[in-house]
Amino acid sequence: MALAWPAPTAAEVDFFMTTAVTGRVELSPEQRGHILENVVARIRGTIESRDDVPLSLDPNSVPPEGWQHAIVLTVNALVAAQPGIGFVLKEAFDKMVERAEEWLLMIARSEIGVTYPVEPIEAEASDGGLVRWTSDSRIETAAI
């Protein structure tokens, strides 16, 4: 079943942080956005490496089942960027980070499926290979 992939936002990270962290992490919105972009890129890269499910056209989106993991991994990176703030995390948050990392490993090992996106990046056949369009680059891979 195809579903729209949500795009986690910095505002959602801020909301999650208020429930997971007591105190403020002193990073600018640009810094938070940059860390979120890196986490989303990591998730999308892991999914793309499998070659069984295309990515969503929206470069900021992750599969629905990965939305919370994206937020948790972003908050974890934000907290790690602030010396001495790790002690304020709730014990449950550590478990959430562990589950998010395990989810990514299971994706990488093809142990679990990924929701097919409503608007996938198109792939088309070419002479002896597959053409995958990603952003402005054209990448040819050998046909399987």
C-alpha atoms as a PDB file:
ATOM      1  CA  MET A   1       0.000   0.000   0.000  1.00  0.00           C
ATOM      2  CA  ALA A   2       1.382   3.407  -0.955  1.00  0.00           C
ATOM      3  CA  LEU A   3       1.262   6.243   1.566  1.00  0.00           C
ATOM      4  CA  ALA A   4       2.438   9.827   1.564  1.00  0.00           C
ATOM      5  CA  TRP A   5       5.786  10.189   3.308  1.00  0.00           C
ATOM      6  CA  PRO A   6       5.712  12.902   6.009  1.00  0.00           C
ATOM      7  CA  ALA A   7       8.461  15.519   6.167  1.00  0.00           C
ATOM      8  CA  PRO A   8       9.610  16.043   9.771  1.00  0.00           C
ATOM      9  CA  THR A   9       9.990  19.725  10.658  1.00  0.00           C
ATOM     10  CA  ALA A  10      12.159  21.702  13.054  1.00  0.00           C
ATOM     11  CA  ALA A  11       8.977  22.777  14.892  1.00  0.00           C
ATOM     12  CA  GLU A  12       8.184  19.098  15.550  1.00  0.00           C
ATOM     13  CA  VAL A  13      11.710  18.606  16.857  1.00  0.00           C
ATOM     14  CA  ASP A  14      11.218  21.562  19.216  1.00  0.00           C
ATOM     15  CA  PHE A  15       7.903  20.142  20.446  1.00  0.00           C
ATOM     16  CA  PHE A  16       9.444  16.726  21.026  1.00  0.00           C
ATOM     17  CA  MET A  17      12.385  18.252  22.856  1.00  0.00           C
ATOM     18  CA  THR A  18      10.098  19.985  25.344  1.00  0.00           C
ATOM     19  CA  THR A  19       8.670  16.597  26.299  1.00  0.00           C
ATOM     20  CA  ALA A  20      11.983  14.699  26.308  1.00  0.00           C
ATOM     21  CA  VAL A  21      14.429  17.269  27.640  1.00  0.00           C
ATOM     22  CA  THR A  22      14.089  19.497  30.687  1.00  0.00           C
ATOM     23  CA  GLY A  23      15.810  22.730  29.780  1.00  0.00           C
ATOM     24  CA  ARG A  24      16.650  24.366  26.463  1.00  0.00           C
ATOM     25  CA  VAL A  25      19.256  23.299  23.990  1.00  0.00           C
ATOM     26  CA  GLU A  26      20.979  26.452  22.802  1.00  0.00           C
ATOM     27  CA  LEU A  27      21.122  25.923  19.055  1.00  0.00           C
ATOM     28  CA  SER A  28      19.759  28.254  16.416  1.00  0.00           C
ATOM     29  CA  PRO A  29      16.845  27.209  14.187  1.00  0.00           C
ATOM     30  CA  GLU A  30      19.337  26.950  11.318  1.00  0.00           C
ATOM     31  CA  GLN A  31      21.519  24.555  13.307  1.00  0.00           C
ATOM     32  CA  ARG A  32      18.496  22.445  14.280  1.00  0.00           C
ATOM     33  CA  GLY A  33      17.346  22.415  10.658  1.00  0.00           C
ATOM     34  CA  HIS A  34      20.801  21.342   9.465  1.00  0.00           C
ATOM     35  CA  ILE A  35      20.918  18.441  11.923  1.00  0.00           C
ATOM     36  CA  LEU A  36      17.386  17.392  10.901  1.00  0.00           C
ATOM     37  CA  GLU A  37      18.407  17.467   7.215  1.00  0.00           C
ATOM     38  CA  ASN A  38      21.358  15.192   8.000  1.00  0.00           C
ATOM     39  CA  VAL A  39      19.159  12.700   9.866  1.00  0.00           C
ATOM     40  CA  VAL A  40      16.584  12.644   7.045  1.00  0.00           C
ATOM     41  CA  ALA A  41      19.399  12.143   4.514  1.00  0.00           C
ATOM     42  CA  ARG A  42      20.738   9.239   6.589  1.00  0.00           C
ATOM     43  CA  ILE A  43      17.325   7.543   6.677  1.00  0.00           C
ATOM     44  CA  ARG A  44      16.701   8.118   2.963  1.00  0.00           C
ATOM     45  CA  GLY A  45      20.220   6.902   2.106  1.00  0.00           C
ATOM     46  CA  THR A  46      19.665   3.711   4.063  1.00  0.00           C
ATOM     47  CA  ILE A  47      16.389   3.088   2.244  1.00  0.00           C
ATOM     48  CA  GLU A  48      17.875   3.951  -1.149  1.00  0.00           C
ATOM     49  CA  SER A  49      20.726   1.484  -0.638  1.00  0.00           C
ATOM     50  CA  ARG A  50      18.217  -1.380  -0.607  1.00  0.00           C
ATOM     51  CA  ASP A  51      16.972  -0.827  -4.177  1.00  0.00           C
ATOM     52  CA  ASP A  52      13.564  -2.400  -3.460  1.00  0.00           C
ATOM     53  CA  VAL A  53      11.521   0.717  -2.621  1.00  0.00           C
ATOM     54  CA  PRO A  54      11.947   4.057  -4.368  1.00  0.00           C
ATOM     55  CA  LEU A  55      12.328   7.246  -2.380  1.00  0.00           C
ATOM     56  CA  SER A  56       9.561   9.825  -2.202  1.00  0.00           C
ATOM     57  CA  LEU A  57       9.964  12.817  -4.511  1.00  0.00           C
ATOM     58  CA  ASP A  58       9.969  15.134  -1.477  1.00  0.00           C
ATOM     59  CA  PRO A  59      13.656  15.180  -0.411  1.00  0.00           C
ATOM     60  CA  ASN A  60      12.663  16.133   3.145  1.00  0.00           C
ATOM     61  CA  SER A  61      10.353  13.172   3.707  1.00  0.00           C
ATOM     62  CA  VAL A  62      10.760   9.803   5.365  1.00  0.00           C
ATOM     63  CA  PRO A  63       8.402   6.795   5.433  1.00  0.00           C
ATOM     64  CA  PRO A  64       5.531   7.162   7.932  1.00  0.00           C
ATOM     65  CA  GLU A  65       7.048   4.480  10.159  1.00  0.00           C
ATOM     66  CA  GLY A  66      10.303   6.473  10.251  1.00  0.00           C
ATOM     67  CA  TRP A  67       8.865   9.859  11.249  1.00  0.00           C
ATOM     68  CA  GLN A  68       9.277   9.412  15.015  1.00  0.00           C
ATOM     69  CA  HIS A  69      12.692   7.829  14.520  1.00  0.00           C
ATOM     70  CA  ALA A  70      13.776  10.901  12.531  1.00  0.00           C
ATOM     71  CA  ILE A  71      12.642  13.192  15.346  1.00  0.00           C
ATOM     72  CA  VAL A  72      14.301  11.044  18.052  1.00  0.00           C
ATOM     73  CA  LEU A  73      17.607  10.801  16.189  1.00  0.00           C
ATOM     74  CA  THR A  74      17.579  14.564  15.580  1.00  0.00           C
ATOM     75  CA  VAL A  75      16.921  15.342  19.240  1.00  0.00           C
ATOM     76  CA  ASN A  76      19.676  12.899  20.206  1.00  0.00           C
ATOM     77  CA  ALA A  77      22.135  14.702  17.907  1.00  0.00           C
ATOM     78  CA  LEU A  78      21.038  18.090  19.258  1.00  0.00           C
ATOM     79  CA  VAL A  79      21.570  16.968  22.852  1.00  0.00           C
ATOM     80  CA  ALA A  80      24.938  15.437  21.962  1.00  0.00           C
ATOM     81  CA  ALA A  81      25.972  18.828  20.541  1.00  0.00           C
ATOM     82  CA  GLN A  82      25.488  20.449  23.958  1.00  0.00           C
ATOM     83  CA  PRO A  83      28.170  19.528  26.517  1.00  0.00           C
ATOM     84  CA  GLY A  84      26.786  18.489  29.893  1.00  0.00           C
ATOM     85  CA  ILE A  85      23.125  18.298  28.889  1.00  0.00           C
ATOM     86  CA  GLY A  86      22.887  14.518  28.499  1.00  0.00           C
ATOM     87  CA  PHE A  87      22.019  14.078  32.177  1.00  0.00           C
ATOM     88  CA  VAL A  88      18.639  15.752  31.677  1.00  0.00           C
ATOM     89  CA  LEU A  89      17.325  13.083  29.338  1.00  0.00           C
ATOM     90  CA  LYS A  90      14.628  10.838  30.596  1.00  0.00           C
ATOM     91  CA  GLU A  91      15.502   7.154  30.758  1.00  0.00           C
ATOM     92  CA  ALA A  92      12.789   6.340  28.196  1.00  0.00           C
ATOM     93  CA  PHE A  93      14.486   8.582  25.641  1.00  0.00           C
ATOM     94  CA  ASP A  94      17.581   6.367  25.605  1.00  0.00           C
ATOM     95  CA  LYS A  95      15.339   3.421  24.718  1.00  0.00           C
ATOM     96  CA  MET A  96      13.735   5.472  21.918  1.00  0.00           C
ATOM     97  CA  VAL A  97      17.151   6.250  20.432  1.00  0.00           C
ATOM     98  CA  GLU A  98      18.096   2.577  20.672  1.00  0.00           C
ATOM     99  CA  ARG A  99      14.867   1.586  18.855  1.00  0.00           C
ATOM    100  CA  ALA A 100      15.462   4.218  16.147  1.00  0.00           C
ATOM    101  CA  GLU A 101      19.007   2.968  15.518  1.00  0.00           C
ATOM    102  CA  GLU A 102      17.798  -0.637  15.445  1.00  0.00           C
ATOM    103  CA  TRP A 103      15.060   0.331  12.953  1.00  0.00           C
ATOM    104  CA  LEU A 104      17.699   1.800  10.641  1.00  0.00           C
ATOM    105  CA  LEU A 105      19.844  -1.336  10.923  1.00  0.00           C
ATOM    106  CA  MET A 106      16.852  -3.553  10.143  1.00  0.00           C
ATOM    107  CA  ILE A 107      16.114  -1.402   7.071  1.00  0.00           C
ATOM    108  CA  ALA A 108      19.745  -1.667   5.943  1.00  0.00           C
ATOM    109  CA  ARG A 109      19.693  -5.463   6.377  1.00  0.00           C
ATOM    110  CA  SER A 110      16.334  -5.729   4.520  1.00  0.00           C
ATOM    111  CA  GLU A 111      14.840  -7.389   7.604  1.00  0.00           C
ATOM    112  CA  ILE A 112      11.742  -5.173   7.495  1.00  0.00           C
ATOM    113  CA  GLY A 113       9.791  -3.485   4.743  1.00  0.00           C
ATOM    114  CA  VAL A 114       9.398   0.196   3.974  1.00  0.00           C
ATOM    115  CA  THR A 115       6.124   1.865   3.013  1.00  0.00           C
ATOM    116  CA  TYR A 116       5.953   2.549  -0.708  1.00  0.00           C
ATOM    117  CA  PRO A 117       5.622   6.317  -1.326  1.00  0.00           C
ATOM    118  CA  VAL A 118       2.625   7.879  -3.093  1.00  0.00           C
ATOM    119  CA  GLU A 119       4.987  10.006  -5.226  1.00  0.00           C
ATOM    120  CA  PRO A 120       8.087   7.864  -5.822  1.00  0.00           C
ATOM    121  CA  ILE A 121      11.183   9.026  -7.634  1.00  0.00           C
ATOM    122  CA  GLU A 122      10.725   7.623 -11.120  1.00  0.00           C
ATOM    123  CA  ALA A 123      13.040   4.959 -12.501  1.00  0.00           C
ATOM    124  CA  GLU A 124      13.090   3.957 -16.156  1.00  0.00           C
ATOM    125  CA  ALA A 125      14.834   1.235 -18.133  1.00  0.00           C
ATOM    126  CA  SER A 126      17.733   2.124 -20.449  1.00  0.00           C
ATOM    127  CA  ASP A 127      20.292   0.208 -22.484  1.00  0.00           C
ATOM    128  CA  GLY A 128      21.449  -2.506 -20.091  1.00  0.00           C
ATOM    129  CA  GLY A 129      20.851  -0.551 -16.910  1.00  0.00           C
ATOM    130  CA  LEU A 130      18.429   1.257 -14.696  1.00  0.00           C
ATOM    131  CA  VAL A 131      18.249   5.026 -14.723  1.00  0.00           C
ATOM    132  CA  ARG A 132      17.481   6.521 -11.350  1.00  0.00           C
ATOM    133  CA  TRP A 133      16.730  10.225 -11.148  1.00  0.00           C
ATOM    134  CA  THR A 134      17.745  11.847  -7.898  1.00  0.00           C
ATOM    135  CA  SER A 135      17.770  15.625  -7.576  1.00  0.00           C
ATOM    136  CA  ASP A 136      19.702  16.970 -10.583  1.00  0.00           C
ATOM    137  CA  SER A 137      21.915  13.957 -11.146  1.00  0.00           C
ATOM    138  CA  ARG A 138      21.425  10.927 -13.365  1.00  0.00           C
ATOM    139  CA  ILE A 139      22.883   7.703 -12.078  1.00  0.00           C
ATOM    140  CA  GLU A 140      23.001   4.521 -14.180  1.00  0.00           C
ATOM    141  CA  THR A 141      23.194   1.212 -12.383  1.00  0.00           C
ATOM    142  CA  ALA A 142      23.474  -2.252 -13.857  1.00  0.00           C
ATOM    143  CA  ALA A 143      20.174  -4.043 -14.394  1.00  0.00           C
ATOM    144  CA  ILE A 144      19.600  -6.998 -12.154  1.00  0.00           C
END
